[in-house]
């Protein structure tokens, strides 16, 4: 009877450990997705900055333009706005590079975690096994009985 209780406790700790591994893996993947989404959003902003800079650089420096700062629309001149936009564009580029490095590190961390805990993703494993089956020649023949 005592050994049955020990087995039950061992199974509970093993399942909790499995759940903890799964939850930690999901957390890592969510962090990776968050980084990727943030990079995508910043790249969109960077492209907008490039378009605005290209448009404004050909205009007269004393011409009026409007810039959205937070929720407030400010009236400025092109010569005042252009340097600020260029600085923001450079900072966005640096931030995107930094986030890409973080994303790469997160991917490496996830792969190491998968190897350490023996995590397999279902879709990937099925593709690997079908490739192996295709490579192996068919040795069995199925005959339809009469």
Protein backbone atom coordinates (compact mmCIF):
# COMPACT_ATOMS: atom_id res chain seq x y z
CA UNK A 1 0.00 0.00 0.00
CA UNK A 2 2.83 2.33 0.87
CA UNK A 3 4.53 1.73 -2.49
CA UNK A 4 1.28 2.61 -4.29
CA UNK A 5 1.21 6.00 -2.53
CA UNK A 6 4.82 6.66 -3.53
CA UNK A 7 4.03 5.81 -7.17
CA UNK A 8 1.02 8.13 -7.14
CA UNK A 9 3.13 10.97 -5.71
CA UNK A 10 5.87 10.33 -8.26
CA UNK A 11 3.36 10.44 -11.13
CA UNK A 12 1.92 13.71 -9.82
CA UNK A 13 5.35 15.33 -9.58
CA UNK A 14 6.26 14.07 -13.04
CA UNK A 15 3.06 15.47 -14.54
CA UNK A 16 3.53 18.79 -12.75
CA UNK A 17 7.09 18.89 -14.01
CA UNK A 18 5.82 18.20 -17.53
CA UNK A 19 3.27 20.97 -17.18
CA UNK A 20 5.94 23.34 -15.91
CA UNK A 21 8.17 22.48 -18.86
CA UNK A 22 5.28 23.04 -21.26
CA UNK A 23 4.30 26.36 -19.63
CA UNK A 24 7.88 27.60 -19.68
CA UNK A 25 8.21 26.60 -23.35
CA UNK A 26 4.98 28.40 -24.21
CA UNK A 27 6.22 31.49 -22.34
CA UNK A 28 9.44 31.46 -24.37
CA UNK A 29 7.48 31.14 -27.62
CA UNK A 30 5.14 33.98 -26.61
CA UNK A 31 8.15 36.19 -25.86
CA UNK A 32 9.55 35.33 -29.29
CA UNK A 33 6.23 36.20 -30.96
CA UNK A 34 6.06 39.48 -29.05
CA UNK A 35 9.55 40.41 -30.23
CA UNK A 36 8.69 39.53 -33.82
CA UNK A 37 5.50 41.61 -33.69
CA UNK A 38 7.35 44.58 -32.22
CA UNK A 39 10.02 44.34 -34.94
CA UNK A 40 7.31 44.27 -37.60
CA UNK A 41 5.62 47.32 -36.11
CA UNK A 42 8.90 49.26 -35.90
CA UNK A 43 9.81 48.34 -39.49
CA UNK A 44 6.47 49.77 -40.59
CA UNK A 45 7.22 53.00 -38.69
CA UNK A 46 10.71 53.11 -40.22
CA UNK A 47 9.27 52.82 -43.73
CA UNK A 48 6.83 55.65 -42.96
CA UNK A 49 9.72 57.81 -41.76
CA UNK A 50 11.64 57.08 -44.97
CA UNK A 51 8.66 58.08 -47.12
CA UNK A 52 8.11 61.33 -45.22
CA UNK A 53 11.82 62.23 -45.33
CA UNK A 54 11.95 61.56 -49.08
CA UNK A 55 8.90 63.78 -49.56
CA UNK A 56 10.13 66.64 -47.37
CA UNK A 57 13.75 66.80 -48.53
CA UNK A 58 12.76 68.26 -51.91
CA UNK A 59 10.60 71.01 -50.36
CA UNK A 60 11.54 74.56 -49.35
CA UNK A 61 12.82 74.71 -45.75
CA UNK A 62 10.46 77.55 -44.79
CA UNK A 63 7.36 75.71 -45.96
CA UNK A 64 4.77 74.86 -43.31
CA UNK A 65 4.26 71.25 -42.32
CA UNK A 66 2.41 69.51 -39.55
CA UNK A 67 3.81 66.90 -37.22
CA UNK A 68 1.85 64.64 -34.91
CA UNK A 69 3.43 64.52 -31.45
CA UNK A 70 1.44 62.09 -29.35
CA UNK A 71 -2.15 63.20 -29.85
CA UNK A 72 -1.28 66.80 -30.70
CA UNK A 73 -0.80 68.16 -34.22
CA UNK A 74 2.01 70.74 -34.24
CA UNK A 75 2.66 73.30 -36.95
CA UNK A 76 6.36 73.58 -37.83
CA UNK A 77 8.58 74.23 -40.81
CA UNK A 78 10.29 71.63 -42.97
CA UNK A 79 13.74 72.72 -41.78
CA UNK A 80 12.68 72.08 -38.16
CA UNK A 81 11.04 68.72 -38.78
CA UNK A 82 13.51 67.10 -41.17
CA UNK A 83 16.44 66.73 -38.71
CA UNK A 84 14.12 65.30 -36.05
CA UNK A 85 12.72 62.76 -38.50
CA UNK A 86 16.23 61.75 -39.59
CA UNK A 87 17.27 61.24 -35.97
CA UNK A 88 14.13 59.21 -35.26
CA UNK A 89 14.77 57.10 -38.36
CA UNK A 90 18.31 56.32 -37.19
CA UNK A 91 17.09 55.44 -33.70
CA UNK A 92 14.42 53.16 -35.16
CA UNK A 93 17.06 51.39 -37.26
CA UNK A 94 19.25 50.87 -34.19
CA UNK A 95 16.31 49.59 -32.17
CA UNK A 96 15.28 47.16 -34.91
CA UNK A 97 18.85 45.81 -35.09
CA UNK A 98 18.89 45.35 -31.32
CA UNK A 99 15.53 43.57 -31.32
CA UNK A 100 16.65 41.31 -34.18
CA UNK A 101 19.64 40.25 -32.08
CA UNK A 102 17.32 39.58 -29.14
CA UNK A 103 15.03 37.56 -31.40
CA UNK A 104 17.96 35.45 -32.59
CA UNK A 105 19.06 34.83 -29.00
CA UNK A 106 15.50 33.89 -28.05
CA UNK A 107 15.35 31.40 -30.93
CA UNK A 108 18.61 29.81 -29.77
CA UNK A 109 17.28 29.70 -26.21
CA UNK A 110 14.08 27.99 -27.38
CA UNK A 111 16.02 25.40 -29.41
CA UNK A 112 18.28 24.64 -26.43
CA UNK A 113 15.24 24.32 -24.19
CA UNK A 114 13.60 21.95 -26.68
CA UNK A 115 16.70 19.76 -26.81
CA UNK A 116 17.20 19.81 -23.03
CA UNK A 117 13.64 18.71 -22.27
CA UNK A 118 13.03 16.55 -25.35
CA UNK A 119 10.21 18.69 -26.70
CA UNK A 120 8.95 17.76 -30.16
CA UNK A 121 6.57 19.85 -32.21
CA UNK A 122 3.95 17.64 -33.83
CA UNK A 123 3.94 19.12 -37.32
CA UNK A 124 7.72 19.03 -37.65
CA UNK A 125 8.05 15.44 -36.46
CA UNK A 126 5.44 14.22 -38.94
CA UNK A 127 7.27 15.88 -41.83
CA UNK A 128 10.58 14.34 -40.77
CA UNK A 129 9.09 10.84 -40.54
CA UNK A 130 7.38 11.09 -43.94
CA UNK A 131 10.67 12.14 -45.54
CA UNK A 132 12.37 9.08 -44.05
CA UNK A 133 9.58 6.83 -45.28
CA UNK A 134 9.90 8.18 -48.82
CA UNK A 135 13.65 7.58 -48.83
CA UNK A 136 13.33 3.96 -47.70
CA UNK A 137 12.42 1.55 -50.51
CA UNK A 138 9.16 -0.36 -50.18
CA UNK A 139 9.88 -3.93 -49.08
CA UNK A 140 6.45 -5.22 -48.23
CA UNK A 141 3.78 -6.11 -50.70
CA UNK A 142 0.15 -6.25 -49.69
CA UNK A 143 -1.92 -8.92 -51.40
CA UNK A 144 -5.69 -8.75 -51.49
CA UNK A 145 -7.06 -12.13 -50.32
CA UNK A 146 -9.81 -13.68 -52.41
